[in-house]
Amino acid sequence: MRSSPSRVLSWSLAALTAVLAAAPAHAQGAATGWRFAAPEGARAMFAVLSGARFEGVGPLHFYKRAGDAPIVPDSLRRALTRDASFEVLHFFPLYLPLGDARLAAAALRGAASGRVPSAGHPAAFATAALASVLPRDDQRATLTALASTVERAASSLAPVPDSRVAELQRRWDTQFAPRLAPYLTAQRLVGGIILLSESLGPEGRIFGGRPDDATDNVVAVTLLPAAPTSDDATLFAVVRELCFPLVTRLASRQRATAAGRDVEAARASLAAVRCGEQLTARALPELAAEYRRQWMSLAGRTASTDPTAFQEAFPIDSSFDQA
């Protein structure tokens, strides 16, 4: 399983690796290339976590502070936010990326009961991952409550227009993917699924699936409002997220001391923004200034295309930058 240091969580990656054999081939049917999707299950789950104000570590928000987030019971909110083991839920939608809310709820209830579906079932890996990381009775009771909340949230979701997803797909396939192809091939990011959620903040997610498969990756990014002339804002979030496998490897080589997880998360998160800018400048130079402006805006800074202001907003040490 490939992960990134911005996602330095308290649960055991070894435990998830042990059940990775149950992971489905997420990109099956799409042997190459990236497929954009806005499935109900992922959108409902991220909406609930947004409503619970359940943030991860790092300098960028995991979720939008939207006023239209679903109502989450106080008891569920407290249970999620007081136990760091629940941080696995930030990635749960990536473990069943094209599922609807019923499948997500079934996985949550399966993990709560300890009944893991057999290998090959679409919820097998997601259920096994949660059951492994959240084994206590009180944690499983929280999963049961969460399942019902996700189902209720799904009923109030307005669908993302197919035309919006299609336009993102078209722009990616015609402009971004061909010019990013050398990088994507080198980083074993040949294809997979890109999940779109209006509830996600600037901090996205990436799950690498099987280490020997370059086409079953899953990325989740914020679905930003379409600009009058371009949908590149969301695509810039994709580019930044696709930097994490590289940032992960470089961070492991550069780390000189055992820093706390918050420090490492901030370091990797900022480095991924800077990596995305360098990658855009090399592969899509005409878009580099807009990439900088977009990420300045997402970080709550005054929108600017100035390289110096961008570097000050997303500082990394010189050795990491050079690497």
C-alpha atoms as a PDB file:
ATOM      1  CA  MET A   1       0.000   0.000   0.000  1.00  0.00           C
ATOM      2  CA  ARG A   2       1.320   3.435  -0.865  1.00  0.00           C
ATOM      3  CA  SER A   3       0.572   6.267   1.525  1.00  0.00           C
ATOM      4  CA  SER A   4       1.946   9.697   2.258  1.00  0.00           C
ATOM      5  CA  PRO A   5       3.416  11.418   5.311  1.00  0.00           C
ATOM      6  CA  SER A   6       0.696  14.065   5.291  1.00  0.00           C
ATOM      7  CA  ARG A   7      -1.497  11.207   6.356  1.00  0.00           C
ATOM      8  CA  VAL A   8       0.620  10.204   9.361  1.00  0.00           C
ATOM      9  CA  LEU A   9      -2.104   8.546  11.391  1.00  0.00           C
ATOM     10  CA  SER A  10      -2.110   6.709  14.672  1.00  0.00           C
ATOM     11  CA  TRP A  11      -3.525   3.500  13.287  1.00  0.00           C
ATOM     12  CA  SER A  12      -1.184   0.772  12.086  1.00  0.00           C
ATOM     13  CA  LEU A  13      -0.350   0.682   8.392  1.00  0.00           C
ATOM     14  CA  ALA A  14       0.820  -2.882   8.936  1.00  0.00           C
ATOM     15  CA  ALA A  15      -2.711  -3.828   9.924  1.00  0.00           C
ATOM     16  CA  LEU A  16      -4.080  -2.433   6.690  1.00  0.00           C
ATOM     17  CA  THR A  17      -1.338  -4.067   4.649  1.00  0.00           C
ATOM     18  CA  ALA A  18      -2.369  -7.401   6.119  1.00  0.00           C
ATOM     19  CA  VAL A  19      -5.814  -7.111   4.533  1.00  0.00           C
ATOM     20  CA  LEU A  20      -4.703  -5.527   1.273  1.00  0.00           C
ATOM     21  CA  ALA A  21      -5.073  -8.835  -0.534  1.00  0.00           C
ATOM     22  CA  ALA A  22      -8.826  -8.252  -0.329  1.00  0.00           C
ATOM     23  CA  ALA A  23      -8.583  -4.927  -2.119  1.00  0.00           C
ATOM     24  CA  PRO A  24     -10.516  -4.820  -5.384  1.00  0.00           C
ATOM     25  CA  ALA A  25      -8.967  -3.726  -8.645  1.00  0.00           C
ATOM     26  CA  HIS A  26     -10.500  -0.260  -8.414  1.00  0.00           C
ATOM     27  CA  ALA A  27      -9.718   0.719 -11.944  1.00  0.00           C
ATOM     28  CA  GLN A  28     -10.844  -2.524 -13.502  1.00  0.00           C
ATOM     29  CA  GLY A  29     -12.275  -1.793 -16.911  1.00  0.00           C
ATOM     30  CA  ALA A  30     -10.010   1.227 -17.288  1.00  0.00           C
ATOM     31  CA  ALA A  31      -6.592  -0.319 -17.821  1.00  0.00           C
ATOM     32  CA  THR A  32      -4.968   3.031 -18.459  1.00  0.00           C
ATOM     33  CA  GLY A  33      -5.849   6.586 -17.673  1.00  0.00           C
ATOM     34  CA  TRP A  34      -7.721   8.295 -14.898  1.00  0.00           C
ATOM     35  CA  ARG A  35     -11.493   8.208 -14.559  1.00  0.00           C
ATOM     36  CA  PHE A  36     -13.353  11.071 -12.848  1.00  0.00           C
ATOM     37  CA  ALA A  37     -16.390  10.225 -10.731  1.00  0.00           C
ATOM     38  CA  ALA A  38     -18.617  11.774  -8.077  1.00  0.00           C
ATOM     39  CA  PRO A  39     -20.168   8.695  -6.420  1.00  0.00           C
ATOM     40  CA  GLU A  40     -22.835   8.971  -3.778  1.00  0.00           C
ATOM     41  CA  GLY A  41     -21.030   6.889  -1.153  1.00  0.00           C
ATOM     42  CA  ALA A  42     -17.838   8.943  -1.076  1.00  0.00           C
ATOM     43  CA  ARG A  43     -19.710  12.256  -1.219  1.00  0.00           C
ATOM     44  CA  ALA A  44     -22.033  11.240   1.634  1.00  0.00           C
ATOM     45  CA  MET A  45     -19.181  10.010   3.815  1.00  0.00           C
ATOM     46  CA  PHE A  46     -17.064  13.120   3.281  1.00  0.00           C
ATOM     47  CA  ALA A  47     -20.124  15.301   3.919  1.00  0.00           C
ATOM     48  CA  VAL A  48     -20.705  13.643   7.286  1.00  0.00           C
ATOM     49  CA  LEU A  49     -17.067  14.010   8.313  1.00  0.00           C
ATOM     50  CA  SER A  50     -17.261  17.664   7.303  1.00  0.00           C
ATOM     51  CA  GLY A  51     -20.385  18.108   9.410  1.00  0.00           C
ATOM     52  CA  ALA A  52     -18.626  16.442  12.329  1.00  0.00           C
ATOM     53  CA  ARG A  53     -15.781  18.972  12.010  1.00  0.00           C
ATOM     54  CA  PHE A  54     -13.442  15.991  12.034  1.00  0.00           C
ATOM     55  CA  GLU A  55     -10.138  17.400  10.821  1.00  0.00           C
ATOM     56  CA  GLY A  56      -6.867  15.591  10.223  1.00  0.00           C
ATOM     57  CA  VAL A  57      -3.364  16.816  10.962  1.00  0.00           C
ATOM     58  CA  GLY A  58      -1.537  19.255   8.716  1.00  0.00           C
ATOM     59  CA  PRO A  59      -1.704  22.915   7.691  1.00  0.00           C
ATOM     60  CA  LEU A  60      -4.516  22.590   5.131  1.00  0.00           C
ATOM     61  CA  HIS A  61      -8.124  21.791   5.982  1.00  0.00           C
ATOM     62  CA  PHE A  62      -9.344  18.280   5.303  1.00  0.00           C
ATOM     63  CA  TYR A  63     -12.929  19.526   4.875  1.00  0.00           C
ATOM     64  CA  LYS A  64     -14.736  22.679   3.867  1.00  0.00           C
ATOM     65  CA  ARG A  65     -16.400  24.684   6.591  1.00  0.00           C
ATOM     66  CA  ALA A  66     -19.664  24.714   4.679  1.00  0.00           C
ATOM     67  CA  GLY A  67     -22.887  25.842   6.281  1.00  0.00           C
ATOM     68  CA  ASP A  68     -24.865  23.201   4.395  1.00  0.00           C
ATOM     69  CA  ALA A  69     -22.993  20.209   5.891  1.00  0.00           C
ATOM     70  CA  PRO A  70     -25.342  17.521   7.255  1.00  0.00           C
ATOM     71  CA  ILE A  71     -26.318  17.594  10.903  1.00  0.00           C
ATOM     72  CA  VAL A  72     -24.215  15.126  12.870  1.00  0.00           C
ATOM     73  CA  PRO A  73     -25.400  14.110  16.365  1.00  0.00           C
ATOM     74  CA  ASP A  74     -23.248  15.568  19.127  1.00  0.00           C
ATOM     75  CA  SER A  75     -22.591  12.121  20.565  1.00  0.00           C
ATOM     76  CA  LEU A  76     -21.220  10.903  17.225  1.00  0.00           C
ATOM     77  CA  ARG A  77     -19.140  14.056  16.760  1.00  0.00           C
ATOM     78  CA  ARG A  78     -17.563  13.649  20.200  1.00  0.00           C
ATOM     79  CA  ALA A  79     -16.811   9.965  19.618  1.00  0.00           C
ATOM     80  CA  LEU A  80     -15.074  10.664  16.307  1.00  0.00           C
ATOM     81  CA  THR A  81     -13.005  13.607  17.472  1.00  0.00           C
ATOM     82  CA  ARG A  82     -11.756  12.200  20.789  1.00  0.00           C
ATOM     83  CA  ASP A  83     -10.278   8.970  19.376  1.00  0.00           C
ATOM     84  CA  ALA A  84      -7.429   9.324  16.858  1.00  0.00           C
ATOM     85  CA  SER A  85      -8.029   5.791  15.572  1.00  0.00           C
ATOM     86  CA  PHE A  86     -11.048   7.105  13.681  1.00  0.00           C
ATOM     87  CA  GLU A  87      -8.689   9.018  11.397  1.00  0.00           C
ATOM     88  CA  VAL A  88      -8.806   5.928   9.171  1.00  0.00           C
ATOM     89  CA  LEU A  89     -12.226   7.242   8.126  1.00  0.00           C
ATOM     90  CA  HIS A  90     -10.560  10.060   6.191  1.00  0.00           C
ATOM     91  CA  PHE A  91      -9.528   7.353   3.707  1.00  0.00           C
ATOM     92  CA  PHE A  92     -12.466   4.988   4.003  1.00  0.00           C
ATOM     93  CA  PRO A  93     -14.232   6.295   0.830  1.00  0.00           C
ATOM     94  CA  LEU A  94     -11.115   5.501  -1.194  1.00  0.00           C
ATOM     95  CA  TYR A  95     -11.408   1.838  -0.202  1.00  0.00           C
ATOM     96  CA  LEU A  96     -14.743   1.441  -2.028  1.00  0.00           C
ATOM     97  CA  PRO A  97     -14.492   4.340  -4.470  1.00  0.00           C
ATOM     98  CA  LEU A  98     -17.480   3.770  -6.734  1.00  0.00           C
ATOM     99  CA  GLY A  99     -19.867   2.533  -4.087  1.00  0.00           C
ATOM    100  CA  ASP A 100     -23.180   4.125  -3.176  1.00  0.00           C
ATOM    101  CA  ALA A 101     -24.248   5.080   0.336  1.00  0.00           C
ATOM    102  CA  ARG A 102     -25.804   1.678   0.953  1.00  0.00           C
ATOM    103  CA  LEU A 103     -22.491  -0.048   0.256  1.00  0.00           C
ATOM    104  CA  ALA A 104     -20.634   2.403   2.505  1.00  0.00           C
ATOM    105  CA  ALA A 105     -23.140   1.846   5.294  1.00  0.00           C
ATOM    106  CA  ALA A 106     -22.919  -1.927   4.830  1.00  0.00           C
ATOM    107  CA  ALA A 107     -19.132  -1.779   5.184  1.00  0.00           C
ATOM    108  CA  LEU A 108     -19.428   0.313   8.351  1.00  0.00           C
ATOM    109  CA  ARG A 109     -21.970  -2.096   9.847  1.00  0.00           C
ATOM    110  CA  GLY A 110     -19.935  -5.107   8.758  1.00  0.00           C
ATOM    111  CA  ALA A 111     -16.874  -3.753  10.532  1.00  0.00           C
ATOM    112  CA  ALA A 112     -18.999  -3.001  13.603  1.00  0.00           C
ATOM    113  CA  SER A 113     -20.257  -6.578  13.741  1.00  0.00           C
ATOM    114  CA  GLY A 114     -16.977  -8.209  12.756  1.00  0.00           C
ATOM    115  CA  ARG A 115     -18.590  -9.824   9.727  1.00  0.00           C
ATOM    116  CA  VAL A 116     -16.150  -9.222   6.885  1.00  0.00           C
ATOM    117  CA  PRO A 117     -17.349 -10.213   3.386  1.00  0.00           C
ATOM    118  CA  SER A 118     -15.386 -12.782   1.468  1.00  0.00           C
ATOM    119  CA  ALA A 119     -12.601 -11.720  -0.888  1.00  0.00           C
ATOM    120  CA  GLY A 120     -13.989 -10.351  -4.120  1.00  0.00           C
ATOM    121  CA  HIS A 121     -16.923  -8.569  -2.509  1.00  0.00           C
ATOM    122  CA  PRO A 122     -16.762  -4.825  -3.302  1.00  0.00           C
ATOM    123  CA  ALA A 123     -16.783  -3.941   0.405  1.00  0.00           C
ATOM    124  CA  ALA A 124     -14.348  -6.634   1.543  1.00  0.00           C
ATOM    125  CA  PHE A 125     -11.241  -4.484   1.851  1.00  0.00           C
ATOM    126  CA  ALA A 126     -13.010  -1.464   3.349  1.00  0.00           C
ATOM    127  CA  THR A 127     -14.745  -3.628   5.939  1.00  0.00           C
ATOM    128  CA  ALA A 128     -11.577  -5.524   6.851  1.00  0.00           C
ATOM    129  CA  ALA A 129      -9.582  -2.299   7.154  1.00  0.00           C
ATOM    130  CA  LEU A 130     -12.052  -0.756   9.598  1.00  0.00           C
ATOM    131  CA  ALA A 131     -12.484  -3.966  11.583  1.00  0.00           C
ATOM    132  CA  SER A 132      -8.711  -4.237  11.975  1.00  0.00           C
ATOM    133  CA  VAL A 133      -8.163  -0.637  13.055  1.00  0.00           C
ATOM    134  CA  LEU A 134     -11.298  -0.203  15.197  1.00  0.00           C
ATOM    135  CA  PRO A 135     -11.731  -3.425  17.190  1.00  0.00           C
ATOM    136  CA  ARG A 136     -13.131  -2.115  20.498  1.00  0.00           C
ATOM    137  CA  ASP A 137     -16.826  -2.347  21.354  1.00  0.00           C
ATOM    138  CA  ASP A 138     -17.188   1.407  21.816  1.00  0.00           C
ATOM    139  CA  GLN A 139     -15.506   2.060  18.462  1.00  0.00           C
ATOM    140  CA  ARG A 140     -17.810  -0.389  16.740  1.00  0.00           C
ATOM    141  CA  ALA A 141     -20.863   1.227  18.277  1.00  0.00           C
ATOM    142  CA  THR A 142     -19.687   4.497  16.753  1.00  0.00           C
ATOM    143  CA  LEU A 143     -19.400   2.819  13.332  1.00  0.00           C
ATOM    144  CA  THR A 144     -23.009   1.655  13.612  1.00  0.00           C
ATOM    145  CA  ALA A 145     -24.178   5.187  14.381  1.00  0.00           C
ATOM    146  CA  LEU A 146     -22.052   6.537  11.562  1.00  0.00           C
ATOM    147  CA  ALA A 147     -23.649   4.143   9.059  1.00  0.00           C
ATOM    148  CA  SER A 148     -27.132   5.543   9.722  1.00  0.00           C
ATOM    149  CA  THR A 149     -25.847   9.112   9.502  1.00  0.00           C
ATOM    150  CA  VAL A 150     -24.219   8.453   6.123  1.00  0.00           C
ATOM    151  CA  GLU A 151     -27.462   7.014   4.774  1.00  0.00           C
ATOM    152  CA  ARG A 152     -29.398  10.086   5.902  1.00  0.00           C
ATOM    153  CA  ALA A 153     -26.798  12.427   4.432  1.00  0.00           C
ATOM    154  CA  ALA A 154     -27.006  10.694   1.053  1.00  0.00           C
ATOM    155  CA  SER A 155     -30.726  11.403   0.793  1.00  0.00           C
ATOM    156  CA  SER A 156     -30.072  15.162   0.864  1.00  0.00           C
ATOM    157  CA  LEU A 157     -27.210  15.246  -1.644  1.00  0.00           C
ATOM    158  CA  ALA A 158     -27.858  17.044  -4.899  1.00  0.00           C
ATOM    159  CA  PRO A 159     -26.274  15.080  -7.752  1.00  0.00           C
ATOM    160  CA  VAL A 160     -23.177  16.453  -9.436  1.00  0.00           C
ATOM    161  CA  PRO A 161     -24.181  17.115 -13.060  1.00  0.00           C
ATOM    162  CA  ASP A 162     -22.816  14.555 -15.486  1.00  0.00           C
ATOM    163  CA  SER A 163     -21.771  17.427 -17.732  1.00  0.00           C
ATOM    164  CA  ARG A 164     -19.485  18.778 -15.002  1.00  0.00           C
ATOM    165  CA  VAL A 165     -17.717  15.444 -14.557  1.00  0.00           C
ATOM    166  CA  ALA A 166     -17.487  15.021 -18.328  1.00  0.00           C
ATOM    167  CA  GLU A 167     -15.864  18.426 -18.772  1.00  0.00           C
ATOM    168  CA  LEU A 168     -13.255  17.668 -16.116  1.00  0.00           C
ATOM    169  CA  GLN A 169     -12.581  14.353 -17.824  1.00  0.00           C
ATOM    170  CA  ARG A 170     -12.244  16.005 -21.224  1.00  0.00           C
ATOM    171  CA  ARG A 171      -9.888  18.696 -19.998  1.00  0.00           C
ATOM    172  CA  TRP A 172      -7.731  16.156 -18.141  1.00  0.00           C
ATOM    173  CA  ASP A 173      -7.576  13.742 -21.072  1.00  0.00           C
ATOM    174  CA  THR A 174      -6.760  16.355 -23.705  1.00  0.00           C
ATOM    175  CA  GLN A 175      -4.538  18.841 -21.871  1.00  0.00           C
ATOM    176  CA  PHE A 176      -3.173  17.492 -18.598  1.00  0.00           C
ATOM    177  CA  ALA A 177      -2.698  13.736 -19.003  1.00  0.00           C
ATOM    178  CA  PRO A 178      -0.619  13.742 -22.225  1.00  0.00           C
ATOM    179  CA  ARG A 179       1.874  16.241 -20.872  1.00  0.00           C
ATOM    180  CA  LEU A 180       2.039  14.693 -17.399  1.00  0.00           C
ATOM    181  CA  ALA A 181       2.428  11.176 -18.825  1.00  0.00           C
ATOM    182  CA  PRO A 182       6.219  10.838 -18.243  1.00  0.00           C
ATOM    183  CA  TYR A 183       5.819  11.758 -14.574  1.00  0.00           C
ATOM    184  CA  LEU A 184       2.750   9.551 -14.082  1.00  0.00           C
ATOM    185  CA  THR A 185       4.498   6.580 -15.658  1.00  0.00           C
ATOM    186  CA  ALA A 186       7.647   7.073 -13.598  1.00  0.00           C
ATOM    187  CA  GLN A 187       5.641   7.313 -10.359  1.00  0.00           C
ATOM    188  CA  ARG A 188       3.425   4.293 -11.187  1.00  0.00           C
ATOM    189  CA  LEU A 189       0.359   6.516 -11.402  1.00  0.00           C
ATOM    190  CA  VAL A 190      -0.726   5.384 -14.846  1.00  0.00           C
ATOM    191  CA  GLY A 191      -4.399   5.284 -13.977  1.00  0.00           C
ATOM    192  CA  GLY A 192      -7.142   4.954 -11.440  1.00  0.00           C
ATOM    193  CA  ILE A 193     -10.172   6.831 -10.146  1.00  0.00           C
ATOM    194  CA  ILE A 194     -10.432  10.487  -9.140  1.00  0.00           C
ATOM    195  CA  LEU A 195     -13.229  11.038  -6.630  1.00  0.00           C
ATOM    196  CA  LEU A 196     -14.842  14.471  -6.572  1.00  0.00           C
ATOM    197  CA  SER A 197     -16.443  15.806  -3.403  1.00  0.00           C
ATOM    198  CA  GLU A 198     -17.757  19.264  -2.664  1.00  0.00           C
ATOM    199  CA  SER A 199     -17.164  18.608   1.069  1.00  0.00           C
ATOM    200  CA  LEU A 200     -13.418  18.106   0.856  1.00  0.00           C
ATOM    201  CA  GLY A 201     -11.059  20.925   1.701  1.00  0.00           C
ATOM    202  CA  PRO A 202      -7.742  21.646  -0.013  1.00  0.00           C
ATOM    203  CA  GLU A 203      -6.136  18.602   1.613  1.00  0.00           C
ATOM    204  CA  GLY A 204      -7.012  15.696  -0.661  1.00  0.00           C
ATOM    205  CA  ARG A 205      -6.413  11.976  -0.305  1.00  0.00           C
ATOM    206  CA  ILE A 206      -4.494   9.347  -2.247  1.00  0.00           C
ATOM    207  CA  PHE A 207      -4.519   5.557  -1.943  1.00  0.00           C
ATOM    208  CA  GLY A 208      -2.147   3.511  -4.044  1.00  0.00           C
ATOM    209  CA  GLY A 209      -3.917   0.157  -3.977  1.00  0.00           C
ATOM    210  CA  ARG A 210      -1.763  -2.825  -4.869  1.00  0.00           C
ATOM    211  CA  PRO A 211       1.965  -2.024  -5.035  1.00  0.00           C
ATOM    212  CA  ASP A 212       2.350  -4.055  -8.237  1.00  0.00           C
ATOM    213  CA  ASP A 213      -0.498  -2.310 -10.092  1.00  0.00           C
ATOM    214  CA  ALA A 214       0.062   1.156 -11.562  1.00  0.00           C
ATOM    215  CA  THR A 215      -3.583   1.511 -12.641  1.00  0.00           C
ATOM    216  CA  ASP A 216      -5.615   0.944  -9.452  1.00  0.00           C
ATOM    217  CA  ASN A 217      -4.790   4.185  -7.651  1.00  0.00           C
ATOM    218  CA  VAL A 218      -7.526   6.286  -6.057  1.00  0.00           C
ATOM    219  CA  VAL A 219      -7.409  10.045  -5.504  1.00  0.00           C
ATOM    220  CA  ALA A 220     -10.015  12.249  -3.838  1.00  0.00           C
ATOM    221  CA  VAL A 221     -10.056  16.020  -4.296  1.00  0.00           C
ATOM    222  CA  THR A 222     -12.299  18.971  -3.647  1.00  0.00           C
ATOM    223  CA  LEU A 223     -14.813  19.804  -6.335  1.00  0.00           C
ATOM    224  CA  LEU A 224     -14.397  23.542  -6.670  1.00  0.00           C
ATOM    225  CA  PRO A 225     -16.901  25.821  -8.391  1.00  0.00           C
ATOM    226  CA  ALA A 226     -16.322  25.991 -12.119  1.00  0.00           C
ATOM    227  CA  ALA A 227     -14.737  29.223 -13.285  1.00  0.00           C
ATOM    228  CA  PRO A 228     -16.310  31.039 -16.247  1.00  0.00           C
ATOM    229  CA  THR A 229     -13.602  29.878 -18.651  1.00  0.00           C
ATOM    230  CA  SER A 230     -11.919  26.868 -17.033  1.00  0.00           C
ATOM    231  CA  ASP A 231     -12.299  23.995 -14.607  1.00  0.00           C
ATOM    232  CA  ASP A 232      -8.571  23.856 -13.914  1.00  0.00           C
ATOM    233  CA  ALA A 233      -8.930  24.719 -10.214  1.00  0.00           C
ATOM    234  CA  THR A 234     -10.061  21.168  -9.432  1.00  0.00           C
ATOM    235  CA  LEU A 235      -7.419  19.733 -11.746  1.00  0.00           C
ATOM    236  CA  PHE A 236      -4.680  21.675  -9.946  1.00  0.00           C
ATOM    237  CA  ALA A 237      -5.805  19.866  -6.779  1.00  0.00           C
ATOM    238  CA  VAL A 238      -5.345  16.572  -8.651  1.00  0.00           C
ATOM    239  CA  VAL A 239      -1.823  17.520  -9.756  1.00  0.00           C
ATOM    240  CA  ARG A 240      -0.841  18.379  -6.195  1.00  0.00           C
ATOM    241  CA  GLU A 241      -2.268  15.104  -4.871  1.00  0.00           C
ATOM    242  CA  LEU A 242      -0.374  13.092  -7.478  1.00  0.00           C
ATOM    243  CA  CYS A 243       2.844  14.532  -6.058  1.00  0.00           C
ATOM    244  CA  PHE A 244       2.481  12.643  -2.777  1.00  0.00           C
ATOM    245  CA  PRO A 245       4.163   9.365  -3.804  1.00  0.00           C
ATOM    246  CA  LEU A 246       7.266  11.353  -4.790  1.00  0.00           C
ATOM    247  CA  VAL A 247       7.070  13.558  -1.697  1.00  0.00           C
ATOM    248  CA  THR A 248       6.746  10.467   0.499  1.00  0.00           C
ATOM    249  CA  ARG A 249       9.947   8.940  -0.805  1.00  0.00           C
ATOM    250  CA  LEU A 250      11.882  12.198  -0.605  1.00  0.00           C
ATOM    251  CA  ALA A 251      10.641  12.898   2.918  1.00  0.00           C
ATOM    252  CA  SER A 252      11.834   9.502   4.103  1.00  0.00           C
ATOM    253  CA  ARG A 253      15.312  10.232   2.721  1.00  0.00           C
ATOM    254  CA  GLN A 254      15.472  13.801   3.994  1.00  0.00           C
ATOM    255  CA  ARG A 255      14.190  13.225   7.514  1.00  0.00           C
ATOM    256  CA  ALA A 256      17.095  13.648   9.912  1.00  0.00           C
ATOM    257  CA  THR A 257      15.214  13.466  13.218  1.00  0.00           C
ATOM    258  CA  ALA A 258      12.090  11.775  14.467  1.00  0.00           C
ATOM    259  CA  ALA A 259       9.722  14.743  14.328  1.00  0.00           C
ATOM    260  CA  GLY A 260       6.162  14.565  15.568  1.00  0.00           C
ATOM    261  CA  ARG A 261       3.413  13.624  13.168  1.00  0.00           C
ATOM    262  CA  ASP A 262       2.069  17.185  12.974  1.00  0.00           C
ATOM    263  CA  VAL A 263       5.493  18.439  11.895  1.00  0.00           C
ATOM    264  CA  GLU A 264       5.885  15.718   9.300  1.00  0.00           C
ATOM    265  CA  ALA A 265       2.340  16.246   8.019  1.00  0.00           C
ATOM    266  CA  ALA A 266       2.945  19.961   7.560  1.00  0.00           C
ATOM    267  CA  ARG A 267       6.272  19.324   5.850  1.00  0.00           C
ATOM    268  CA  ALA A 268       4.796  16.891   3.364  1.00  0.00           C
ATOM    269  CA  SER A 269       1.656  18.938   2.720  1.00  0.00           C
ATOM    270  CA  LEU A 270       3.639  22.064   1.876  1.00  0.00           C
ATOM    271  CA  ALA A 271       6.123  20.066  -0.191  1.00  0.00           C
ATOM    272  CA  ALA A 272       3.292  18.570  -2.247  1.00  0.00           C
ATOM    273  CA  VAL A 273       2.004  22.048  -3.108  1.00  0.00           C
ATOM    274  CA  ARG A 274       5.497  23.089  -4.160  1.00  0.00           C
ATOM    275  CA  CYS A 275       6.034  19.856  -6.099  1.00  0.00           C
ATOM    276  CA  GLY A 276       2.782  20.438  -7.973  1.00  0.00           C
ATOM    277  CA  GLU A 277       3.926  23.919  -8.931  1.00  0.00           C
ATOM    278  CA  GLN A 278       7.266  22.645 -10.230  1.00  0.00           C
ATOM    279  CA  LEU A 279       5.545  19.842 -12.116  1.00  0.00           C
ATOM    280  CA  THR A 280       3.064  22.264 -13.667  1.00  0.00           C
ATOM    281  CA  ALA A 281       5.839  24.697 -14.587  1.00  0.00           C
ATOM    282  CA  ARG A 282       7.688  21.928 -16.389  1.00  0.00           C
ATOM    283  CA  ALA A 283       4.805  20.101 -18.090  1.00  0.00           C
ATOM    284  CA  LEU A 284       2.186  22.874 -18.420  1.00  0.00           C
ATOM    285  CA  PRO A 285       4.175  26.118 -18.182  1.00  0.00           C
ATOM    286  CA  GLU A 286       1.333  28.288 -19.441  1.00  0.00           C
ATOM    287  CA  LEU A 287      -0.690  27.224 -16.357  1.00  0.00           C
ATOM    288  CA  ALA A 288       1.991  27.631 -13.667  1.00  0.00           C
ATOM    289  CA  ALA A 289       0.956  31.159 -12.676  1.00  0.00           C
ATOM    290  CA  GLU A 290      -2.686  30.086 -12.362  1.00  0.00           C
ATOM    291  CA  TYR A 291      -1.632  27.075 -10.264  1.00  0.00           C
ATOM    292  CA  ARG A 292       0.125  29.434  -7.845  1.00  0.00           C
ATOM    293  CA  ARG A 293      -2.865  31.767  -7.697  1.00  0.00           C
ATOM    294  CA  GLN A 294      -5.244  28.899  -7.012  1.00  0.00           C
ATOM    295  CA  TRP A 295      -3.196  27.429  -4.170  1.00  0.00           C
ATOM    296  CA  MET A 296      -2.666  30.828  -2.583  1.00  0.00           C
ATOM    297  CA  SER A 297      -6.443  31.184  -2.569  1.00  0.00           C
ATOM    298  CA  LEU A 298      -7.031  27.683  -1.167  1.00  0.00           C
ATOM    299  CA  ALA A 299      -4.589  28.381   1.663  1.00  0.00           C
ATOM    300  CA  GLY A 300      -6.535  31.492   2.604  1.00  0.00           C
ATOM    301  CA  ARG A 301      -3.866  33.878   1.298  1.00  0.00           C
ATOM    302  CA  THR A 302      -4.349  36.810  -0.986  1.00  0.00           C
ATOM    303  CA  ALA A 303      -4.607  35.289  -4.456  1.00  0.00           C
ATOM    304  CA  SER A 304      -1.359  35.958  -6.278  1.00  0.00           C
ATOM    305  CA  THR A 305       0.675  34.514  -9.119  1.00  0.00           C
ATOM    306  CA  ASP A 306       3.952  35.926  -7.760  1.00  0.00           C
ATOM    307  CA  PRO A 307       6.519  33.100  -7.323  1.00  0.00           C
ATOM    308  CA  THR A 308       8.148  34.716  -4.296  1.00  0.00           C
ATOM    309  CA  ALA A 309       4.845  35.163  -2.457  1.00  0.00           C
ATOM    310  CA  PHE A 310       3.953  31.574  -3.322  1.00  0.00           C
ATOM    311  CA  GLN A 311       7.206  30.231  -1.878  1.00  0.00           C
ATOM    312  CA  GLU A 312       6.709  32.254   1.292  1.00  0.00           C
ATOM    313  CA  ALA A 313       3.190  30.872   1.673  1.00  0.00           C
ATOM    314  CA  PHE A 314       4.382  27.280   1.203  1.00  0.00           C
ATOM    315  CA  PRO A 315       7.903  27.175   2.682  1.00  0.00           C
ATOM    316  CA  ILE A 316      10.074  24.074   2.563  1.00  0.00           C
ATOM    317  CA  ASP A 317      13.728  23.649   3.470  1.00  0.00           C
ATOM    318  CA  SER A 318      16.231  24.037   0.660  1.00  0.00           C
ATOM    319  CA  SER A 319      17.432  20.422   0.687  1.00  0.00           C
ATOM    320  CA  PHE A 320      13.885  19.135   0.250  1.00  0.00           C
ATOM    321  CA  ASP A 321      13.278  21.691  -2.491  1.00  0.00           C
ATOM    322  CA  GLN A 322      16.431  20.633  -4.317  1.00  0.00           C
ATOM    323  CA  ALA A 323      15.581  16.939  -3.992  1.00  0.00           C
END
